[in-house]
Amino acid sequence: MNVDDVVAEKIAAARARAEAAKRRRAALAAARQRGLAARHAQKLRNQASARTADGTVTDTVTDGTTKEN
């Protein structure tokens, strides 16, 4: 085994690590997008359920009570 073989192995290992990191980042980005979409959908559901029959909107206050605008 000569120096060129060792260098080639190190380069191949570095490329493999870079590809693995790229796949991890892509998986995390996809999971983040799904989470953001779910969060947005839940927000829209919450807004829709906050509307009353006469069209007024109630704001939810952090202590669990609601106030009407």
N, C-alpha and C. Protein backbone atom coordinates (compact mmCIF):
# COMPACT_ATOMS: atom_id res chain seq x y z
N MET A 1 0.85 -1.17 0.00
CA MET A 1 0.00 0.00 0.00
C MET A 1 0.90 1.24 0.00
N ASN A 2 0.71 2.09 -0.97
CA ASN A 2 1.55 3.28 -1.04
C ASN A 2 0.75 4.51 -0.59
N VAL A 3 1.39 5.63 -0.61
CA VAL A 3 0.81 6.88 -0.13
C VAL A 3 -0.40 7.27 -0.97
N ASP A 4 -0.36 7.03 -2.25
CA ASP A 4 -1.48 7.39 -3.12
C ASP A 4 -2.74 6.61 -2.73
N ASP A 5 -2.58 5.34 -2.37
CA ASP A 5 -3.73 4.53 -1.94
C ASP A 5 -4.33 5.07 -0.65
N VAL A 6 -3.47 5.45 0.28
CA VAL A 6 -3.94 5.99 1.56
C VAL A 6 -4.70 7.30 1.33
N VAL A 7 -4.15 8.15 0.51
CA VAL A 7 -4.80 9.43 0.20
C VAL A 7 -6.14 9.19 -0.49
N ALA A 8 -6.19 8.26 -1.43
CA ALA A 8 -7.44 7.94 -2.13
C ALA A 8 -8.50 7.43 -1.16
N GLU A 9 -8.09 6.59 -0.19
CA GLU A 9 -9.04 6.08 0.81
C GLU A 9 -9.57 7.22 1.68
N LYS A 10 -8.70 8.13 2.07
CA LYS A 10 -9.13 9.25 2.89
C LYS A 10 -10.08 10.16 2.13
N ILE A 11 -9.80 10.36 0.85
CA ILE A 11 -10.69 11.19 0.03
C ILE A 11 -12.05 10.52 -0.11
N ALA A 12 -12.05 9.22 -0.33
CA ALA A 12 -13.32 8.48 -0.46
C ALA A 12 -14.11 8.53 0.85
N ALA A 13 -13.42 8.41 1.97
CA ALA A 13 -14.09 8.47 3.27
C ALA A 13 -14.68 9.86 3.50
N ALA A 14 -13.95 10.88 3.13
CA ALA A 14 -14.44 12.25 3.29
C ALA A 14 -15.67 12.50 2.42
N ARG A 15 -15.64 11.98 1.20
CA ARG A 15 -16.82 12.12 0.32
C ARG A 15 -18.02 11.39 0.90
N ALA A 16 -17.80 10.22 1.45
CA ALA A 16 -18.90 9.46 2.05
C ALA A 16 -19.48 10.22 3.24
N ARG A 17 -18.61 10.81 4.07
CA ARG A 17 -19.11 11.60 5.20
C ARG A 17 -19.90 12.80 4.72
N ALA A 18 -19.42 13.46 3.68
CA ALA A 18 -20.12 14.63 3.15
C ALA A 18 -21.48 14.24 2.59
N GLU A 19 -21.56 13.12 1.90
CA GLU A 19 -22.85 12.66 1.36
C GLU A 19 -23.81 12.29 2.49
N ALA A 20 -23.30 11.65 3.52
CA ALA A 20 -24.16 11.29 4.66
C ALA A 20 -24.69 12.54 5.34
N ALA A 21 -23.84 13.54 5.49
CA ALA A 21 -24.28 14.80 6.11
C ALA A 21 -25.32 15.48 5.23
N LYS A 22 -25.14 15.43 3.93
CA LYS A 22 -26.10 16.02 3.00
C LYS A 22 -27.45 15.32 3.10
N ARG A 23 -27.44 13.99 3.19
CA ARG A 23 -28.69 13.24 3.35
C ARG A 23 -29.37 13.57 4.68
N ARG A 24 -28.58 13.71 5.75
CA ARG A 24 -29.16 14.08 7.06
C ARG A 24 -29.81 15.44 7.00
N ARG A 25 -29.12 16.41 6.38
CA ARG A 25 -29.68 17.76 6.26
C ARG A 25 -30.97 17.75 5.45
N ALA A 26 -30.99 16.97 4.38
CA ALA A 26 -32.20 16.89 3.55
C ALA A 26 -33.36 16.27 4.33
N ALA A 27 -33.06 15.24 5.12
CA ALA A 27 -34.11 14.60 5.92
C ALA A 27 -34.63 15.56 6.98
N LEU A 28 -33.75 16.30 7.61
CA LEU A 28 -34.18 17.27 8.62
C LEU A 28 -34.99 18.40 7.98
N ALA A 29 -34.58 18.85 6.81
CA ALA A 29 -35.33 19.91 6.12
C ALA A 29 -36.73 19.43 5.75
N ALA A 30 -36.84 18.19 5.29
CA ALA A 30 -38.15 17.64 4.94
C ALA A 30 -39.03 17.52 6.19
N ALA A 31 -38.45 17.07 7.29
CA ALA A 31 -39.21 16.95 8.53
C ALA A 31 -39.65 18.33 9.02
N ARG A 32 -38.78 19.31 8.87
CA ARG A 32 -39.12 20.67 9.27
C ARG A 32 -40.27 21.20 8.43
N GLN A 33 -40.24 20.96 7.14
CA GLN A 33 -41.31 21.42 6.26
C GLN A 33 -42.64 20.77 6.64
N ARG A 34 -42.60 19.45 6.93
CA ARG A 34 -43.83 18.77 7.35
C ARG A 34 -44.35 19.36 8.65
N GLY A 35 -43.44 19.64 9.58
CA GLY A 35 -43.84 20.23 10.86
C GLY A 35 -44.43 21.61 10.69
N LEU A 36 -43.81 22.42 9.83
CA LEU A 36 -44.34 23.76 9.60
C LEU A 36 -45.70 23.70 8.94
N ALA A 37 -45.88 22.78 8.01
CA ALA A 37 -47.18 22.64 7.35
C ALA A 37 -48.24 22.20 8.36
N ALA A 38 -47.90 21.29 9.23
CA ALA A 38 -48.84 20.83 10.25
C ALA A 38 -49.17 21.96 11.22
N ARG A 39 -48.16 22.74 11.59
CA ARG A 39 -48.39 23.86 12.48
C ARG A 39 -49.30 24.89 11.84
N HIS A 40 -49.08 25.17 10.57
CA HIS A 40 -49.92 26.14 9.86
C HIS A 40 -51.36 25.63 9.76
N ALA A 41 -51.52 24.36 9.45
CA ALA A 41 -52.86 23.78 9.34
C ALA A 41 -53.58 23.84 10.68
N GLN A 42 -52.86 23.56 11.77
CA GLN A 42 -53.47 23.63 13.09
C GLN A 42 -53.87 25.06 13.42
N LYS A 43 -53.03 26.02 13.04
CA LYS A 43 -53.36 27.42 13.28
C LYS A 43 -54.64 27.81 12.55
N LEU A 44 -54.75 27.36 11.29
CA LEU A 44 -55.97 27.66 10.53
C LEU A 44 -57.19 27.00 11.15
N ARG A 45 -57.03 25.75 11.64
CA ARG A 45 -58.15 25.08 12.32
C ARG A 45 -58.55 25.83 13.58
N ASN A 46 -57.56 26.29 14.33
CA ASN A 46 -57.84 27.05 15.55
C ASN A 46 -58.57 28.35 15.23
N GLN A 47 -58.13 29.03 14.18
CA GLN A 47 -58.79 30.27 13.79
C GLN A 47 -60.23 30.02 13.35
N ALA A 48 -60.43 28.94 12.62
CA ALA A 48 -61.78 28.62 12.14
C ALA A 48 -62.69 28.27 13.31
N SER A 49 -62.17 27.55 14.28
CA SER A 49 -63.01 27.16 15.41
C SER A 49 -63.26 28.33 16.35
N ALA A 50 -62.43 29.38 16.27
CA ALA A 50 -62.62 30.55 17.13
C ALA A 50 -63.72 31.45 16.60
N ARG A 51 -64.10 31.28 15.36
CA ARG A 51 -65.14 32.12 14.79
C ARG A 51 -66.51 31.67 15.32
N THR A 52 -67.34 32.63 15.63
CA THR A 52 -68.67 32.31 16.13
C THR A 52 -69.68 32.33 14.99
N ALA A 53 -70.89 32.01 15.29
CA ALA A 53 -71.93 31.92 14.27
C ALA A 53 -72.20 33.27 13.61
N ASP A 54 -72.08 34.37 14.35
CA ASP A 54 -72.37 35.67 13.77
C ASP A 54 -71.16 36.30 13.08
N GLY A 55 -70.06 35.56 12.97
CA GLY A 55 -68.91 36.04 12.22
C GLY A 55 -67.87 36.77 13.03
N THR A 56 -68.12 36.96 14.33
CA THR A 56 -67.11 37.63 15.14
C THR A 56 -66.03 36.64 15.52
N VAL A 57 -64.88 37.17 15.85
CA VAL A 57 -63.74 36.33 16.18
C VAL A 57 -63.42 36.53 17.65
N THR A 58 -63.14 35.43 18.34
CA THR A 58 -62.72 35.54 19.73
C THR A 58 -61.24 35.22 19.80
N ASP A 59 -60.51 36.02 20.57
CA ASP A 59 -59.09 35.78 20.77
C ASP A 59 -58.91 34.92 22.01
N THR A 60 -58.06 33.92 21.91
CA THR A 60 -57.79 33.08 23.06
C THR A 60 -56.68 33.74 23.89
N VAL A 61 -56.94 33.89 25.15
CA VAL A 61 -55.97 34.49 26.08
C VAL A 61 -55.22 33.34 26.75
N THR A 62 -53.99 33.60 27.18
CA THR A 62 -53.13 32.53 27.68
C THR A 62 -53.67 31.85 28.93
N ASP A 63 -54.54 32.48 29.70
CA ASP A 63 -55.03 31.84 30.92
C ASP A 63 -56.22 30.93 30.65
N GLY A 64 -56.55 30.71 29.39
CA GLY A 64 -57.61 29.78 29.03
C GLY A 64 -58.95 30.44 28.82
N THR A 65 -59.08 31.71 29.14
CA THR A 65 -60.33 32.41 28.90
C THR A 65 -60.30 33.00 27.51
N THR A 66 -61.44 33.42 27.04
CA THR A 66 -61.50 34.06 25.73
C THR A 66 -62.09 35.44 25.87
N LYS A 67 -61.70 36.31 25.00
CA LYS A 67 -62.29 37.65 24.96
C LYS A 67 -62.77 37.88 23.54
N GLU A 68 -63.81 38.64 23.40
CA GLU A 68 -64.38 38.89 22.09
C GLU A 68 -63.90 40.25 21.61
N ASN A 69 -63.57 40.31 20.31
CA ASN A 69 -63.12 41.60 19.72
C ASN A 69 -64.29 42.50 19.47
